[in-house]
Amino acid sequence: MRQNPPTRATLAVLVLALVTAATAPSVSVLLAANAPQAAAGRNEEIAMTVGKSVILDHPDEIARISISNPEVADAVAVSSKEVLLNAKSSGITTLVIWSKSGERNFFTISVGPNLQQIQQQLQSTFPGENIQVVPGQNAVSLTGKVSSPAVVEKAVVLAAGPGRPVVSNLSVPVVPDKQILLKVRFAEVQKTALEQL
């Protein structure tokens, strides 16, 4: 059976379909690149210390704010472009600020312990001991030399807090075993007695 040659209209439709299929991905990428960034906004990190407060300046007028974990920190809009952050306990929380233009801005708030306060407590409790408080990624570390294992145990308990693990790197001087010293001394006495004989 003989087929009729394609008409000009059919050829035009085929060419248009091929051109559309070939350029569709690049057109969608171009549109995505030029799309407004109102939804994405920015993402910043803020480091804070327990008991401290910070004023966060926002470039646009604030419509609404939300914080994911109010036990770690709370946020209060004190003006149309300012947010007051209060650090309450160690941990991480996320603050979201919606501006009146529709933009969303995300802030990751990391709250760490007040190491200066812990250091002062340790110094006042153990005045003759050399204990230093060192911040870690997930815990507080105690370093230095102390006089006894009892001091180590008490210092760790004092430095620990809710949600704040403590790693002890404190060293204690090694006391030689008295029994070994007695044996050595007894052996020296026996040797001297034999020499005299």
Protein backbone atom coordinates (compact mmCIF):
# COMPACT_ATOMS: atom_id res chain seq x y z
CA MET A 1 0.00 0.00 0.00
CA ARG A 2 1.39 3.40 -1.00
CA GLN A 3 1.64 6.20 1.63
CA ASN A 4 0.91 9.83 0.87
CA PRO A 5 3.85 12.26 1.41
CA PRO A 6 3.51 14.43 4.54
CA THR A 7 1.92 17.81 4.01
CA ARG A 8 3.55 21.12 4.88
CA ALA A 9 1.33 21.49 7.97
CA THR A 10 2.37 18.06 9.26
CA LEU A 11 6.05 18.87 8.74
CA ALA A 12 5.67 22.19 10.56
CA VAL A 13 4.04 20.46 13.54
CA LEU A 14 6.84 17.85 13.67
CA VAL A 15 9.59 20.51 13.54
CA LEU A 16 7.86 22.55 16.27
CA ALA A 17 7.58 19.44 18.49
CA LEU A 18 11.30 18.62 18.02
CA VAL A 19 12.40 22.18 18.79
CA THR A 20 10.20 22.30 21.91
CA ALA A 21 11.51 18.95 23.18
CA ALA A 22 15.13 20.01 22.62
CA THR A 23 14.87 23.42 24.29
CA ALA A 24 12.49 22.59 27.17
CA PRO A 25 15.22 21.58 29.68
CA SER A 26 17.30 24.69 29.01
CA VAL A 27 14.22 26.91 29.26
CA SER A 28 13.23 25.36 32.61
CA VAL A 29 16.81 25.79 33.92
CA LEU A 30 16.80 29.41 32.76
CA LEU A 31 13.46 30.05 34.46
CA ALA A 32 14.67 28.41 37.68
CA ALA A 33 17.85 30.49 37.65
CA ASN A 34 15.89 33.73 37.21
CA ALA A 35 13.12 32.83 39.68
CA PRO A 36 12.84 35.13 42.71
CA GLN A 37 14.61 33.86 45.83
CA ALA A 38 11.82 34.95 48.17
CA ALA A 39 11.23 31.48 49.58
CA ALA A 40 14.87 30.50 50.14
CA GLY A 41 16.23 33.51 52.04
CA ARG A 42 19.47 33.09 53.97
CA ASN A 43 20.78 30.61 56.52
CA GLU A 44 23.16 31.84 59.22
CA GLU A 45 24.67 30.45 62.43
CA ILE A 46 24.71 32.27 65.77
CA ALA A 47 26.83 31.08 68.73
CA MET A 48 25.64 32.07 72.19
CA THR A 49 26.41 31.38 75.86
CA VAL A 50 23.90 30.32 78.49
CA GLY A 51 22.48 33.37 80.27
CA LYS A 52 23.50 35.84 77.56
CA SER A 53 21.27 37.89 75.23
CA VAL A 54 21.80 39.15 71.68
CA ILE A 55 19.94 41.67 69.51
CA LEU A 56 19.55 40.40 65.94
CA ASP A 57 19.11 43.15 63.30
CA HIS A 58 16.93 42.12 60.35
CA PRO A 59 17.19 44.02 57.04
CA ASP A 60 13.45 43.80 56.23
CA GLU A 61 10.34 44.42 58.28
CA ILE A 62 9.42 41.34 60.31
CA ALA A 63 6.02 39.75 59.81
CA ARG A 64 6.40 36.66 62.01
CA ILE A 65 9.04 34.67 63.95
CA SER A 66 9.25 31.09 65.20
CA ILE A 67 11.83 29.12 67.19
CA SER A 68 12.01 25.31 67.12
CA ASN A 69 13.18 24.66 70.71
CA PRO A 70 12.19 27.38 73.19
CA GLU A 71 13.95 25.50 76.01
CA VAL A 72 17.34 26.27 74.41
CA ALA A 73 16.62 29.91 73.51
CA ASP A 74 13.67 32.23 73.12
CA ALA A 75 13.13 34.98 70.54
CA VAL A 76 11.07 38.15 70.90
CA ALA A 77 10.50 40.76 68.19
CA VAL A 78 11.24 44.04 70.00
CA SER A 79 10.72 46.23 66.92
CA SER A 80 9.81 45.86 63.25
CA LYS A 81 13.46 45.02 62.39
CA GLU A 82 14.96 43.70 65.67
CA VAL A 83 14.74 40.34 67.45
CA LEU A 84 15.96 39.77 71.02
CA LEU A 85 17.52 36.31 71.54
CA ASN A 86 17.91 34.91 75.09
CA ALA A 87 20.10 31.81 75.56
CA LYS A 88 18.56 29.54 78.21
CA SER A 89 20.30 26.14 78.12
CA SER A 90 22.94 24.26 76.13
CA GLY A 91 21.77 22.91 72.79
CA ILE A 92 20.86 23.83 69.21
CA THR A 93 17.67 25.43 67.94
CA THR A 94 16.45 27.02 64.71
CA LEU A 95 14.97 30.51 64.37
CA VAL A 96 12.82 31.34 61.33
CA ILE A 97 11.98 34.94 60.46
CA TRP A 98 9.34 35.78 57.85
CA SER A 99 9.62 39.27 56.40
CA LYS A 100 6.65 41.25 55.09
CA SER A 101 8.05 40.84 51.56
CA GLY A 102 7.53 37.06 51.87
CA GLU A 103 11.19 36.13 52.37
CA ARG A 104 12.12 33.48 54.97
CA ASN A 105 15.43 33.63 56.83
CA PHE A 106 16.79 30.71 58.88
CA PHE A 107 19.21 31.03 61.81
CA THR A 108 20.86 28.07 63.55
CA ILE A 109 21.44 29.05 67.19
CA SER A 110 24.08 27.06 69.10
CA VAL A 111 24.03 27.67 72.85
CA GLY A 112 27.04 26.56 74.89
CA PRO A 113 27.65 26.51 78.65
CA ASN A 114 29.00 29.49 80.53
CA LEU A 115 32.58 28.22 81.02
CA GLN A 116 33.66 31.29 82.98
CA GLN A 117 31.05 30.56 85.63
CA ILE A 118 32.12 26.88 85.82
CA GLN A 119 35.80 27.91 86.11
CA GLN A 120 35.01 30.28 89.00
CA GLN A 121 33.01 27.58 90.83
CA LEU A 122 35.85 25.08 90.50
CA GLN A 123 38.45 27.60 91.71
CA SER A 124 36.37 28.60 94.74
CA THR A 125 35.56 24.96 95.62
CA PHE A 126 39.11 23.62 95.07
CA PRO A 127 41.39 26.63 95.74
CA GLY A 128 44.68 24.70 95.77
CA GLU A 129 44.01 22.58 92.69
CA ASN A 130 45.03 23.22 89.08
CA ILE A 131 41.81 22.64 87.10
CA GLN A 132 41.14 24.22 83.70
CA VAL A 133 37.80 24.12 81.83
CA VAL A 134 38.15 23.57 78.08
CA PRO A 135 35.19 23.75 75.66
CA GLY A 136 34.60 20.75 73.40
CA GLN A 137 32.27 20.06 70.52
CA ASN A 138 29.72 18.07 72.52
CA ALA A 139 31.13 18.18 76.06
CA VAL A 140 33.19 20.18 78.55
CA SER A 141 36.70 18.91 79.30
CA LEU A 142 38.56 19.31 82.59
CA THR A 143 42.37 19.37 82.38
CA GLY A 144 45.17 19.86 84.89
CA LYS A 145 46.75 18.15 87.91
CA VAL A 146 44.89 17.51 91.16
CA SER A 147 45.92 16.00 94.48
CA SER A 148 43.59 12.99 94.70
CA PRO A 149 41.01 10.88 92.84
CA ALA A 150 38.34 12.25 95.22
CA VAL A 151 38.97 15.76 93.84
CA VAL A 152 38.55 14.41 90.29
CA GLU A 153 35.15 12.88 91.11
CA LYS A 154 33.86 16.02 92.87
CA ALA A 155 35.11 18.34 90.09
CA VAL A 156 33.33 16.29 87.40
CA VAL A 157 30.06 16.35 89.38
CA LEU A 158 30.36 20.11 89.93
CA ALA A 159 31.11 20.88 86.27
CA ALA A 160 28.35 18.64 84.89
CA GLY A 161 24.91 20.09 84.25
CA PRO A 162 21.68 19.25 82.45
CA GLY A 163 22.58 18.34 78.89
CA ARG A 164 26.27 19.08 79.56
CA PRO A 165 28.51 15.99 79.67
CA VAL A 166 31.98 16.36 81.21
CA VAL A 167 35.15 14.58 80.13
CA SER A 168 37.86 14.34 82.78
CA ASN A 169 41.47 14.68 81.60
CA LEU A 170 42.66 15.46 85.11
CA SER A 171 45.84 13.72 86.22
CA VAL A 172 46.58 12.53 89.76
CA PRO A 173 50.16 11.98 91.03
CA VAL A 174 51.02 8.29 91.36
CA VAL A 175 51.68 7.30 94.97
CA PRO A 176 54.10 4.34 95.25
CA ASP A 177 52.79 1.27 97.02
CA LYS A 178 53.93 1.24 100.69
CA GLN A 179 54.12 -2.53 100.69
CA ILE A 180 56.68 -2.47 97.86
CA LEU A 181 58.73 0.15 99.70
CA LEU A 182 58.74 -2.01 102.84
CA LYS A 183 59.95 -5.05 100.89
CA VAL A 184 62.77 -3.06 99.30
CA ARG A 185 63.77 -1.63 102.67
CA PHE A 186 63.68 -5.08 104.29
CA ALA A 187 65.85 -6.50 101.48
CA GLU A 188 68.42 -3.70 102.01
CA VAL A 189 68.56 -4.44 105.76
CA GLN A 190 69.09 -8.15 105.09
CA LYS A 191 71.88 -7.42 102.59
CA THR A 192 73.64 -5.11 105.07
CA ALA A 193 73.38 -7.71 107.83
CA LEU A 194 74.90 -10.37 105.56
CA GLU A 195 77.77 -8.08 104.60
CA GLN A 196 78.50 -7.39 108.27
CA LEU A 197 78.57 -11.11 109.02
